[in-house]
Amino acid sequence: MAGPPPKPWPTGEVERPEPLVRRVLAPNPSPYTYTGTQTYIVGDADRVAVIDPGPDDPRHIAAIRSALGDAEIAAIMCTHTHRDHSPGARPLAAETGAPVVGCAPLVLDDSGPRADASFDRDYAPDRVLEDGEAMTGPGWTLTALHTPGHTSNHLCFALEESGALFTGDHVMGWSTSVVVPPDGDMGAYMASLERLHAREDRVYYPAHGPAVEKPRQLVRGMIGHRRQRENQILRILGEAPHSAADFVPRMYKGLDARLHGAAEMSVTAHLLDLERRGLVGRSGDVWQTL
């Protein structure tokens, strides 16, 4: 997990990574969101799409509106419903009349290891996109890819005209995605990574951190990293039974203490996947190899 770049960050400013794409950074930096959530505006004509409107923060909503100019929003599209991604859809829809389109609603009582990642209980899309379904506008087509793992309702959006993929929290260049049970699922996450690795996308635009210019290379490395973690868990369990928390100091040396909860959840996600595959078992909170 890389640290954030030196300030100043382009919070609230309009960046244009390519002709059909604008990017606006929300003012919500944290150890989990890097410099903040990046909202993307797709299209360069009078009807555009807004991807991941971010938190319900009036400063960010005003920055999005300013970036839009006179363009109409054809769709407000959400990759998933963590609170740093979808709540901004409500005020933006209320101000513009645009429909909310994208991932399915998902509400869990479990909020995971971080306060900003609990689920948006008020997310109510006008339309849920199925895998392979597309939204279109003048000069742009965004196709939904079902990529569960980080959350069960996670979508990526492929911009067909340029070969770009908006990856939400599924793939980020600065950090691996947090997989938090019970909704986060390591087996599903790995399958989704394999799905992206089989594609030929030119560039990834994640919700946090810089664009990924060599996406297949990064995804291949992420798959390998997760397999290494899995093997590490099996080696440690081969020595003696352990609880999930016991793995953190051995597997994540030097990790910021604020991230220990997320690391324990990641280990738990691996253990649950290994259990489903018949490789480990548990007695209470203690895990052992079979």
C-alpha atoms as a PDB file:
ATOM      1  CA  MET A   1       0.000   0.000   0.000  1.00  0.00           C
ATOM      2  CA  ALA A   2       1.642   3.212  -1.202  1.00  0.00           C
ATOM      3  CA  GLY A   3       1.450   6.491   0.649  1.00  0.00           C
ATOM      4  CA  PRO A   4      -0.254   9.467  -0.992  1.00  0.00           C
ATOM      5  CA  PRO A   5       1.732  11.844  -3.215  1.00  0.00           C
ATOM      6  CA  PRO A   6       2.889  15.206  -1.835  1.00  0.00           C
ATOM      7  CA  LYS A   7       0.290  17.948  -1.588  1.00  0.00           C
ATOM      8  CA  PRO A   8      -1.227  19.946  -3.121  1.00  0.00           C
ATOM      9  CA  TRP A   9      -3.742  17.454  -4.517  1.00  0.00           C
ATOM     10  CA  PRO A  10      -6.133  18.538  -7.300  1.00  0.00           C
ATOM     11  CA  THR A  11      -9.189  18.418  -5.013  1.00  0.00           C
ATOM     12  CA  GLY A  12     -12.200  19.948  -6.730  1.00  0.00           C
ATOM     13  CA  GLU A  13     -10.280  20.663  -9.944  1.00  0.00           C
ATOM     14  CA  VAL A  14     -11.140  19.301 -13.385  1.00  0.00           C
ATOM     15  CA  GLU A  15      -8.530  17.019 -14.929  1.00  0.00           C
ATOM     16  CA  ARG A  16      -8.803  15.515 -18.407  1.00  0.00           C
ATOM     17  CA  PRO A  17      -6.863  12.246 -18.728  1.00  0.00           C
ATOM     18  CA  GLU A  18      -8.214  11.710 -22.259  1.00  0.00           C
ATOM     19  CA  PRO A  19     -10.629  13.492 -24.617  1.00  0.00           C
ATOM     20  CA  LEU A  20     -13.780  11.671 -23.479  1.00  0.00           C
ATOM     21  CA  VAL A  21     -12.939  11.646 -19.759  1.00  0.00           C
ATOM     22  CA  ARG A  22     -12.843  14.308 -17.043  1.00  0.00           C
ATOM     23  CA  ARG A  23     -11.949  13.618 -13.409  1.00  0.00           C
ATOM     24  CA  VAL A  24     -12.834  15.484 -10.190  1.00  0.00           C
ATOM     25  CA  LEU A  25     -11.287  14.558  -6.827  1.00  0.00           C
ATOM     26  CA  ALA A  26     -13.511  14.622  -3.729  1.00  0.00           C
ATOM     27  CA  PRO A  27     -12.297  16.128  -0.420  1.00  0.00           C
ATOM     28  CA  ASN A  28     -12.339  12.818   1.493  1.00  0.00           C
ATOM     29  CA  PRO A  29      -8.739  11.588   1.838  1.00  0.00           C
ATOM     30  CA  SER A  30      -8.038   8.775   4.314  1.00  0.00           C
ATOM     31  CA  PRO A  31      -5.751   5.754   4.764  1.00  0.00           C
ATOM     32  CA  TYR A  32      -8.336   3.805   2.748  1.00  0.00           C
ATOM     33  CA  THR A  33      -9.303   6.362   0.088  1.00  0.00           C
ATOM     34  CA  TYR A  34      -5.789   7.654  -0.724  1.00  0.00           C
ATOM     35  CA  THR A  35      -6.223  11.304  -1.801  1.00  0.00           C
ATOM     36  CA  GLY A  36     -10.015  10.872  -2.013  1.00  0.00           C
ATOM     37  CA  THR A  37     -12.707   9.472  -4.294  1.00  0.00           C
ATOM     38  CA  GLN A  38     -12.360  10.332  -7.970  1.00  0.00           C
ATOM     39  CA  THR A  39     -15.554  11.076  -9.858  1.00  0.00           C
ATOM     40  CA  TYR A  40     -15.383  10.643 -13.628  1.00  0.00           C
ATOM     41  CA  ILE A  41     -17.403  12.493 -16.247  1.00  0.00           C
ATOM     42  CA  VAL A  42     -17.607  10.616 -19.557  1.00  0.00           C
ATOM     43  CA  GLY A  43     -18.536  12.367 -22.784  1.00  0.00           C
ATOM     44  CA  ASP A  44     -17.583  15.565 -24.559  1.00  0.00           C
ATOM     45  CA  ALA A  45     -20.942  16.702 -25.878  1.00  0.00           C
ATOM     46  CA  ASP A  46     -24.233  17.823 -24.394  1.00  0.00           C
ATOM     47  CA  ARG A  47     -25.091  14.504 -22.661  1.00  0.00           C
ATOM     48  CA  VAL A  48     -22.591  12.839 -20.339  1.00  0.00           C
ATOM     49  CA  ALA A  49     -22.352  10.124 -17.697  1.00  0.00           C
ATOM     50  CA  VAL A  50     -21.085  10.698 -14.153  1.00  0.00           C
ATOM     51  CA  ILE A  51     -19.337   7.683 -12.589  1.00  0.00           C
ATOM     52  CA  ASP A  52     -19.057   7.335  -8.798  1.00  0.00           C
ATOM     53  CA  PRO A  53     -20.390  10.710  -7.601  1.00  0.00           C
ATOM     54  CA  GLY A  54     -18.651  10.118  -4.264  1.00  0.00           C
ATOM     55  CA  PRO A  55     -19.670  11.244  -0.783  1.00  0.00           C
ATOM     56  CA  ASP A  56     -22.640  13.491  -0.052  1.00  0.00           C
ATOM     57  CA  ASP A  57     -20.469  16.569   0.326  1.00  0.00           C
ATOM     58  CA  PRO A  58     -21.786  19.910  -0.985  1.00  0.00           C
ATOM     59  CA  ARG A  59     -18.260  20.979  -1.980  1.00  0.00           C
ATOM     60  CA  HIS A  60     -17.841  17.938  -4.190  1.00  0.00           C
ATOM     61  CA  ILE A  61     -21.305  18.160  -5.714  1.00  0.00           C
ATOM     62  CA  ALA A  62     -20.618  21.817  -6.571  1.00  0.00           C
ATOM     63  CA  ALA A  63     -17.295  20.835  -8.171  1.00  0.00           C
ATOM     64  CA  ILE A  64     -19.040  18.184 -10.306  1.00  0.00           C
ATOM     65  CA  ARG A  65     -21.689  20.684 -11.397  1.00  0.00           C
ATOM     66  CA  SER A  66     -18.992  23.184 -12.320  1.00  0.00           C
ATOM     67  CA  ALA A  67     -17.105  20.556 -14.326  1.00  0.00           C
ATOM     68  CA  LEU A  68     -20.275  19.697 -16.258  1.00  0.00           C
ATOM     69  CA  GLY A  69     -20.757  23.188 -17.636  1.00  0.00           C
ATOM     70  CA  ASP A  70     -23.959  23.180 -19.670  1.00  0.00           C
ATOM     71  CA  ALA A  71     -23.957  19.424 -20.298  1.00  0.00           C
ATOM     72  CA  GLU A  72     -26.922  17.304 -19.265  1.00  0.00           C
ATOM     73  CA  ILE A  73     -26.303  14.161 -17.215  1.00  0.00           C
ATOM     74  CA  ALA A  74     -27.648  11.114 -19.048  1.00  0.00           C
ATOM     75  CA  ALA A  75     -26.879   8.807 -16.103  1.00  0.00           C
ATOM     76  CA  ILE A  76     -25.291   8.907 -12.664  1.00  0.00           C
ATOM     77  CA  MET A  77     -23.487   5.555 -12.548  1.00  0.00           C
ATOM     78  CA  CYS A  78     -22.267   3.854  -9.355  1.00  0.00           C
ATOM     79  CA  THR A  79     -19.730   1.016  -9.236  1.00  0.00           C
ATOM     80  CA  HIS A  80     -20.831  -0.036  -5.729  1.00  0.00           C
ATOM     81  CA  THR A  81     -22.512   1.333  -2.631  1.00  0.00           C
ATOM     82  CA  HIS A  82     -19.801   2.091  -0.106  1.00  0.00           C
ATOM     83  CA  ARG A  83     -20.323   5.506   1.432  1.00  0.00           C
ATOM     84  CA  ASP A  84     -17.370   7.067  -0.349  1.00  0.00           C
ATOM     85  CA  HIS A  85     -18.861   6.192  -3.755  1.00  0.00           C
ATOM     86  CA  SER A  86     -22.641   6.427  -4.084  1.00  0.00           C
ATOM     87  CA  PRO A  87     -24.225   8.924  -1.606  1.00  0.00           C
ATOM     88  CA  GLY A  88     -23.451  11.880  -3.869  1.00  0.00           C
ATOM     89  CA  ALA A  89     -25.909  10.401  -6.369  1.00  0.00           C
ATOM     90  CA  ARG A  90     -28.876  11.650  -4.329  1.00  0.00           C
ATOM     91  CA  PRO A  91     -28.130  15.389  -4.241  1.00  0.00           C
ATOM     92  CA  LEU A  92     -26.787  15.319  -7.802  1.00  0.00           C
ATOM     93  CA  ALA A  93     -29.958  13.602  -9.039  1.00  0.00           C
ATOM     94  CA  ALA A  94     -32.126  15.993  -7.057  1.00  0.00           C
ATOM     95  CA  GLU A  95     -30.403  19.009  -8.587  1.00  0.00           C
ATOM     96  CA  THR A  96     -30.297  17.744 -12.177  1.00  0.00           C
ATOM     97  CA  GLY A  97     -33.143  15.245 -12.544  1.00  0.00           C
ATOM     98  CA  ALA A  98     -30.668  12.649 -13.871  1.00  0.00           C
ATOM     99  CA  PRO A  99     -31.400   8.957 -13.319  1.00  0.00           C
ATOM    100  CA  VAL A 100     -29.196   6.845 -11.029  1.00  0.00           C
ATOM    101  CA  VAL A 101     -27.999   3.779 -12.924  1.00  0.00           C
ATOM    102  CA  GLY A 102     -25.528   0.988 -12.189  1.00  0.00           C
ATOM    103  CA  CYS A 103     -24.976  -1.426  -9.348  1.00  0.00           C
ATOM    104  CA  ALA A 104     -27.747  -3.068  -7.367  1.00  0.00           C
ATOM    105  CA  PRO A 105     -28.618  -1.794  -3.883  1.00  0.00           C
ATOM    106  CA  LEU A 106     -26.920  -3.597  -1.016  1.00  0.00           C
ATOM    107  CA  VAL A 107     -27.342  -3.015   2.715  1.00  0.00           C
ATOM    108  CA  LEU A 108     -25.551  -4.929   5.454  1.00  0.00           C
ATOM    109  CA  ASP A 109     -25.325  -4.349   9.178  1.00  0.00           C
ATOM    110  CA  ASP A 110     -21.615  -5.169   9.061  1.00  0.00           C
ATOM    111  CA  SER A 111     -19.609  -2.021   8.263  1.00  0.00           C
ATOM    112  CA  GLY A 112     -16.199  -3.663   8.092  1.00  0.00           C
ATOM    113  CA  PRO A 113     -12.986  -2.228   9.486  1.00  0.00           C
ATOM    114  CA  ARG A 114     -13.472   1.370   8.366  1.00  0.00           C
ATOM    115  CA  ALA A 115     -16.220   3.889   9.003  1.00  0.00           C
ATOM    116  CA  ASP A 116     -16.155   5.344   5.486  1.00  0.00           C
ATOM    117  CA  ALA A 117     -16.774   1.948   3.892  1.00  0.00           C
ATOM    118  CA  SER A 118     -20.115   1.096   5.444  1.00  0.00           C
ATOM    119  CA  PHE A 119     -22.874   0.674   2.927  1.00  0.00           C
ATOM    120  CA  ASP A 120     -25.068   3.481   1.630  1.00  0.00           C
ATOM    121  CA  ARG A 121     -28.451   2.548   3.067  1.00  0.00           C
ATOM    122  CA  ASP A 122     -30.320   5.147   1.002  1.00  0.00           C
ATOM    123  CA  TYR A 123     -29.024   4.155  -2.428  1.00  0.00           C
ATOM    124  CA  ALA A 124     -32.047   3.573  -4.677  1.00  0.00           C
ATOM    125  CA  PRO A 125     -31.144   3.263  -8.364  1.00  0.00           C
ATOM    126  CA  ASP A 126     -33.623   4.002 -11.096  1.00  0.00           C
ATOM    127  CA  ARG A 127     -32.101   1.175 -13.094  1.00  0.00           C
ATOM    128  CA  VAL A 128     -29.769  -1.706 -12.263  1.00  0.00           C
ATOM    129  CA  LEU A 129     -27.397  -2.708 -15.047  1.00  0.00           C
ATOM    130  CA  GLU A 130     -26.957  -6.390 -15.775  1.00  0.00           C
ATOM    131  CA  ASP A 131     -23.591  -7.785 -16.797  1.00  0.00           C
ATOM    132  CA  GLY A 132     -22.925  -6.722 -20.387  1.00  0.00           C
ATOM    133  CA  GLU A 133     -25.668  -4.095 -20.440  1.00  0.00           C
ATOM    134  CA  ALA A 134     -24.684  -0.660 -21.749  1.00  0.00           C
ATOM    135  CA  MET A 135     -25.494   3.011 -21.314  1.00  0.00           C
ATOM    136  CA  THR A 136     -24.936   5.225 -24.348  1.00  0.00           C
ATOM    137  CA  GLY A 137     -24.666   8.897 -25.180  1.00  0.00           C
ATOM    138  CA  PRO A 138     -23.283  11.037 -28.010  1.00  0.00           C
ATOM    139  CA  GLY A 139     -19.896   9.504 -28.797  1.00  0.00           C
ATOM    140  CA  TRP A 140     -19.699   7.195 -25.767  1.00  0.00           C
ATOM    141  CA  THR A 141     -20.773   3.724 -24.696  1.00  0.00           C
ATOM    142  CA  LEU A 142     -20.295   2.386 -21.161  1.00  0.00           C
ATOM    143  CA  THR A 143     -20.715  -1.384 -20.725  1.00  0.00           C
ATOM    144  CA  ALA A 144     -21.211  -2.865 -17.252  1.00  0.00           C
ATOM    145  CA  LEU A 145     -18.954  -5.717 -16.108  1.00  0.00           C
ATOM    146  CA  HIS A 146     -20.017  -7.619 -13.002  1.00  0.00           C
ATOM    147  CA  THR A 147     -16.884  -7.812 -10.812  1.00  0.00           C
ATOM    148  CA  PRO A 148     -17.922  -9.084  -7.361  1.00  0.00           C
ATOM    149  CA  GLY A 149     -15.385  -9.575  -4.591  1.00  0.00           C
ATOM    150  CA  HIS A 150     -14.731  -6.217  -2.938  1.00  0.00           C
ATOM    151  CA  THR A 151     -18.519  -6.140  -2.632  1.00  0.00           C
ATOM    152  CA  SER A 152     -21.059  -8.520  -4.128  1.00  0.00           C
ATOM    153  CA  ASN A 153     -22.661  -5.707  -6.161  1.00  0.00           C
ATOM    154  CA  HIS A 154     -19.471  -4.242  -7.642  1.00  0.00           C
ATOM    155  CA  LEU A 155     -19.454  -3.220 -11.312  1.00  0.00           C
ATOM    156  CA  CYS A 156     -16.743  -1.910 -13.602  1.00  0.00           C
ATOM    157  CA  PHE A 157     -17.637   0.184 -16.641  1.00  0.00           C
ATOM    158  CA  ALA A 158     -15.873  -0.223 -19.998  1.00  0.00           C
ATOM    159  CA  LEU A 159     -15.665   2.819 -22.278  1.00  0.00           C
ATOM    160  CA  GLU A 160     -15.902   1.070 -25.627  1.00  0.00           C
ATOM    161  CA  GLU A 161     -14.713   3.991 -27.746  1.00  0.00           C
ATOM    162  CA  SER A 162     -11.309   4.373 -26.065  1.00  0.00           C
ATOM    163  CA  GLY A 163     -10.537   1.050 -24.386  1.00  0.00           C
ATOM    164  CA  ALA A 164     -10.644   2.542 -20.883  1.00  0.00           C
ATOM    165  CA  LEU A 165     -12.105   0.677 -17.916  1.00  0.00           C
ATOM    166  CA  PHE A 166     -13.477   2.425 -14.820  1.00  0.00           C
ATOM    167  CA  THR A 167     -12.584  -0.022 -12.064  1.00  0.00           C
ATOM    168  CA  GLY A 168     -14.078   1.535  -8.925  1.00  0.00           C
ATOM    169  CA  ASP A 169     -12.424  -0.222  -5.983  1.00  0.00           C
ATOM    170  CA  HIS A 170     -11.862  -3.547  -7.743  1.00  0.00           C
ATOM    171  CA  VAL A 171      -8.407  -2.646  -9.112  1.00  0.00           C
ATOM    172  CA  MET A 172      -6.343   0.336  -7.933  1.00  0.00           C
ATOM    173  CA  GLY A 173      -2.727   1.184  -8.664  1.00  0.00           C
ATOM    174  CA  TRP A 174      -1.847   2.393  -5.168  1.00  0.00           C
ATOM    175  CA  SER A 175      -3.210  -0.540  -3.121  1.00  0.00           C
ATOM    176  CA  THR A 176      -4.940  -3.885  -3.327  1.00  0.00           C
ATOM    177  CA  SER A 177      -8.671  -3.839  -2.690  1.00  0.00           C
ATOM    178  CA  VAL A 178      -9.974  -4.595   0.803  1.00  0.00           C
ATOM    179  CA  VAL A 179     -12.138  -7.743   0.856  1.00  0.00           C
ATOM    180  CA  VAL A 180     -14.337  -7.741   3.957  1.00  0.00           C
ATOM    181  CA  PRO A 181     -16.621 -10.693   4.790  1.00  0.00           C
ATOM    182  CA  PRO A 182     -19.479 -11.413   4.953  1.00  0.00           C
ATOM    183  CA  ASP A 183     -20.247  -9.587   1.705  1.00  0.00           C
ATOM    184  CA  GLY A 184     -16.669  -9.372   0.443  1.00  0.00           C
ATOM    185  CA  ASP A 185     -15.663 -12.713  -1.022  1.00  0.00           C
ATOM    186  CA  MET A 186     -12.081 -13.695  -1.853  1.00  0.00           C
ATOM    187  CA  GLY A 187     -13.050 -16.450  -4.285  1.00  0.00           C
ATOM    188  CA  ALA A 188     -15.302 -14.058  -6.203  1.00  0.00           C
ATOM    189  CA  TYR A 189     -12.614 -11.373  -6.086  1.00  0.00           C
ATOM    190  CA  MET A 190     -10.017 -13.703  -7.610  1.00  0.00           C
ATOM    191  CA  ALA A 191     -12.459 -14.808 -10.323  1.00  0.00           C
ATOM    192  CA  SER A 192     -13.162 -11.156 -11.157  1.00  0.00           C
ATOM    193  CA  LEU A 193      -9.431 -10.434 -11.397  1.00  0.00           C
ATOM    194  CA  GLU A 194      -9.054 -13.371 -13.778  1.00  0.00           C
ATOM    195  CA  ARG A 195     -11.907 -11.986 -15.847  1.00  0.00           C
ATOM    196  CA  LEU A 196     -10.196  -8.600 -16.190  1.00  0.00           C
ATOM    197  CA  HIS A 197      -6.841 -10.218 -16.960  1.00  0.00           C
ATOM    198  CA  ALA A 198      -8.442 -11.972 -19.930  1.00  0.00           C
ATOM    199  CA  ARG A 199      -9.539  -8.606 -21.391  1.00  0.00           C
ATOM    200  CA  GLU A 200      -7.515  -6.146 -23.485  1.00  0.00           C
ATOM    201  CA  ASP A 201      -8.387  -2.842 -21.826  1.00  0.00           C
ATOM    202  CA  ARG A 202      -5.912  -0.042 -22.612  1.00  0.00           C
ATOM    203  CA  VAL A 203      -6.025   1.804 -19.279  1.00  0.00           C
ATOM    204  CA  TYR A 204      -7.817   1.579 -15.927  1.00  0.00           C
ATOM    205  CA  TYR A 205      -9.311   4.590 -14.170  1.00  0.00           C
ATOM    206  CA  PRO A 206      -9.813   3.613 -10.509  1.00  0.00           C
ATOM    207  CA  ALA A 207     -11.875   5.524  -7.969  1.00  0.00           C
ATOM    208  CA  HIS A 208      -8.746   6.109  -5.874  1.00  0.00           C
ATOM    209  CA  GLY A 209      -5.215   6.757  -7.079  1.00  0.00           C
ATOM    210  CA  PRO A 210      -3.568   7.232 -10.454  1.00  0.00           C
ATOM    211  CA  ALA A 211      -4.563   5.714 -13.757  1.00  0.00           C
ATOM    212  CA  VAL A 212      -3.193   2.227 -14.413  1.00  0.00           C
ATOM    213  CA  GLU A 213      -1.293   2.362 -17.693  1.00  0.00           C
ATOM    214  CA  LYS A 214      -0.330  -1.355 -17.814  1.00  0.00           C
ATOM    215  CA  PRO A 215      -3.509  -2.999 -16.556  1.00  0.00           C
ATOM    216  CA  ARG A 216      -2.894  -6.639 -17.463  1.00  0.00           C
ATOM    217  CA  GLN A 217       0.555  -6.519 -15.888  1.00  0.00           C
ATOM    218  CA  LEU A 218      -0.885  -5.068 -12.665  1.00  0.00           C
ATOM    219  CA  VAL A 219      -3.728  -7.579 -12.515  1.00  0.00           C
ATOM    220  CA  ARG A 220      -1.327 -10.450 -13.058  1.00  0.00           C
ATOM    221  CA  GLY A 221       0.741  -9.145 -10.152  1.00  0.00           C
ATOM    222  CA  MET A 222      -2.354  -8.793  -7.957  1.00  0.00           C
ATOM    223  CA  ILE A 223      -3.362 -12.384  -8.630  1.00  0.00           C
ATOM    224  CA  GLY A 224       0.143 -13.532  -7.764  1.00  0.00           C
ATOM    225  CA  HIS A 225       0.148 -11.434  -4.593  1.00  0.00           C
ATOM    226  CA  ARG A 226      -3.082 -13.014  -3.395  1.00  0.00           C
ATOM    227  CA  ARG A 227      -1.775 -16.493  -4.136  1.00  0.00           C
ATOM    228  CA  GLN A 228       1.338 -15.673  -2.109  1.00  0.00           C
ATOM    229  CA  ARG A 229      -0.831 -14.553   0.806  1.00  0.00           C
ATOM    230  CA  GLU A 230      -2.814 -17.775   0.561  1.00  0.00           C
ATOM    231  CA  ASN A 231       0.347 -19.872   0.622  1.00  0.00           C
ATOM    232  CA  GLN A 232       1.666 -17.829   3.533  1.00  0.00           C
ATOM    233  CA  ILE A 233      -1.494 -18.561   5.522  1.00  0.00           C
ATOM    234  CA  LEU A 234      -1.209 -22.280   4.801  1.00  0.00           C
ATOM    235  CA  ARG A 235       2.453 -22.311   5.869  1.00  0.00           C
ATOM    236  CA  ILE A 236       1.673 -20.550   9.148  1.00  0.00           C
ATOM    237  CA  LEU A 237      -1.234 -22.886   9.858  1.00  0.00           C
ATOM    238  CA  GLY A 238       1.089 -25.793   9.127  1.00  0.00           C
ATOM    239  CA  GLU A 239       3.100 -24.743  12.179  1.00  0.00           C
ATOM    240  CA  ALA A 240       0.135 -24.459  14.578  1.00  0.00           C
ATOM    241  CA  PRO A 241      -3.521 -23.370  14.706  1.00  0.00           C
ATOM    242  CA  HIS A 242      -4.062 -19.604  14.724  1.00  0.00           C
ATOM    243  CA  SER A 243      -6.838 -17.043  14.992  1.00  0.00           C
ATOM    244  CA  ALA A 244      -7.205 -14.558  12.129  1.00  0.00           C
ATOM    245  CA  ALA A 245      -5.715 -11.762  14.257  1.00  0.00           C
ATOM    246  CA  ASP A 246      -2.572 -13.852  14.898  1.00  0.00           C
ATOM    247  CA  PHE A 247      -1.605 -13.643  11.225  1.00  0.00           C
ATOM    248  CA  VAL A 248      -1.444  -9.838  11.013  1.00  0.00           C
ATOM    249  CA  PRO A 249       1.895  -9.134  12.791  1.00  0.00           C
ATOM    250  CA  ARG A 250       3.597 -11.951  10.848  1.00  0.00           C
ATOM    251  CA  MET A 251       2.140 -11.196   7.406  1.00  0.00           C
ATOM    252  CA  TYR A 252       1.927  -7.392   7.504  1.00  0.00           C
ATOM    253  CA  LYS A 253       5.144  -6.248   9.157  1.00  0.00           C
ATOM    254  CA  GLY A 254       5.333  -2.468   9.574  1.00  0.00           C
ATOM    255  CA  LEU A 255       1.692  -1.924   8.630  1.00  0.00           C
ATOM    256  CA  ASP A 256       0.051   1.267   9.885  1.00  0.00           C
ATOM    257  CA  ALA A 257      -1.890   0.314  13.031  1.00  0.00           C
ATOM    258  CA  ARG A 258      -4.976   2.006  11.575  1.00  0.00           C
ATOM    259  CA  LEU A 259      -5.015  -0.687   8.872  1.00  0.00           C
ATOM    260  CA  HIS A 260      -4.733  -3.738  11.141  1.00  0.00           C
ATOM    261  CA  GLY A 261      -8.500  -4.290  11.130  1.00  0.00           C
ATOM    262  CA  ALA A 262      -8.564  -4.327   7.335  1.00  0.00           C
ATOM    263  CA  ALA A 263      -5.619  -6.734   7.243  1.00  0.00           C
ATOM    264  CA  GLU A 264      -7.396  -9.104   9.651  1.00  0.00           C
ATOM    265  CA  MET A 265     -10.508  -8.983   7.459  1.00  0.00           C
ATOM    266  CA  SER A 266      -8.403  -9.790   4.389  1.00  0.00           C
ATOM    267  CA  VAL A 267      -6.893 -12.800   6.178  1.00  0.00           C
ATOM    268  CA  THR A 268     -10.391 -13.879   7.217  1.00  0.00           C
ATOM    269  CA  ALA A 269     -11.560 -13.638   3.596  1.00  0.00           C
ATOM    270  CA  HIS A 270      -8.678 -15.899   2.542  1.00  0.00           C
ATOM    271  CA  LEU A 271      -9.451 -18.361   5.338  1.00  0.00           C
ATOM    272  CA  LEU A 272     -13.130 -18.564   4.379  1.00  0.00           C
ATOM    273  CA  ASP A 273     -12.157 -19.223   0.757  1.00  0.00           C
ATOM    274  CA  LEU A 274      -9.697 -21.929   1.837  1.00  0.00           C
ATOM    275  CA  GLU A 275     -12.400 -23.451   4.049  1.00  0.00           C
ATOM    276  CA  ARG A 276     -14.826 -23.639   1.123  1.00  0.00           C
ATOM    277  CA  ARG A 277     -12.127 -25.424  -0.843  1.00  0.00           C
ATOM    278  CA  GLY A 278     -11.627 -27.974   1.939  1.00  0.00           C
ATOM    279  CA  LEU A 279      -8.068 -26.909   2.817  1.00  0.00           C
ATOM    280  CA  VAL A 280      -8.620 -25.489   6.313  1.00  0.00           C
ATOM    281  CA  GLY A 281     -11.154 -25.819   9.113  1.00  0.00           C
ATOM    282  CA  ARG A 282     -11.936 -24.025  12.347  1.00  0.00           C
ATOM    283  CA  SER A 283     -12.982 -24.517  15.920  1.00  0.00           C
ATOM    284  CA  GLY A 284     -14.493 -21.306  17.192  1.00  0.00           C
ATOM    285  CA  ASP A 285     -12.081 -18.524  16.222  1.00  0.00           C
ATOM    286  CA  VAL A 286      -9.110 -20.827  15.762  1.00  0.00           C
ATOM    287  CA  TRP A 287      -8.167 -22.114  12.306  1.00  0.00           C
ATOM    288  CA  GLN A 288      -6.152 -25.178  11.371  1.00  0.00           C
ATOM    289  CA  THR A 289      -5.174 -27.107   8.241  1.00  0.00           C
ATOM    290  CA  LEU A 290      -7.098 -30.237   7.287  1.00  0.00           C
END
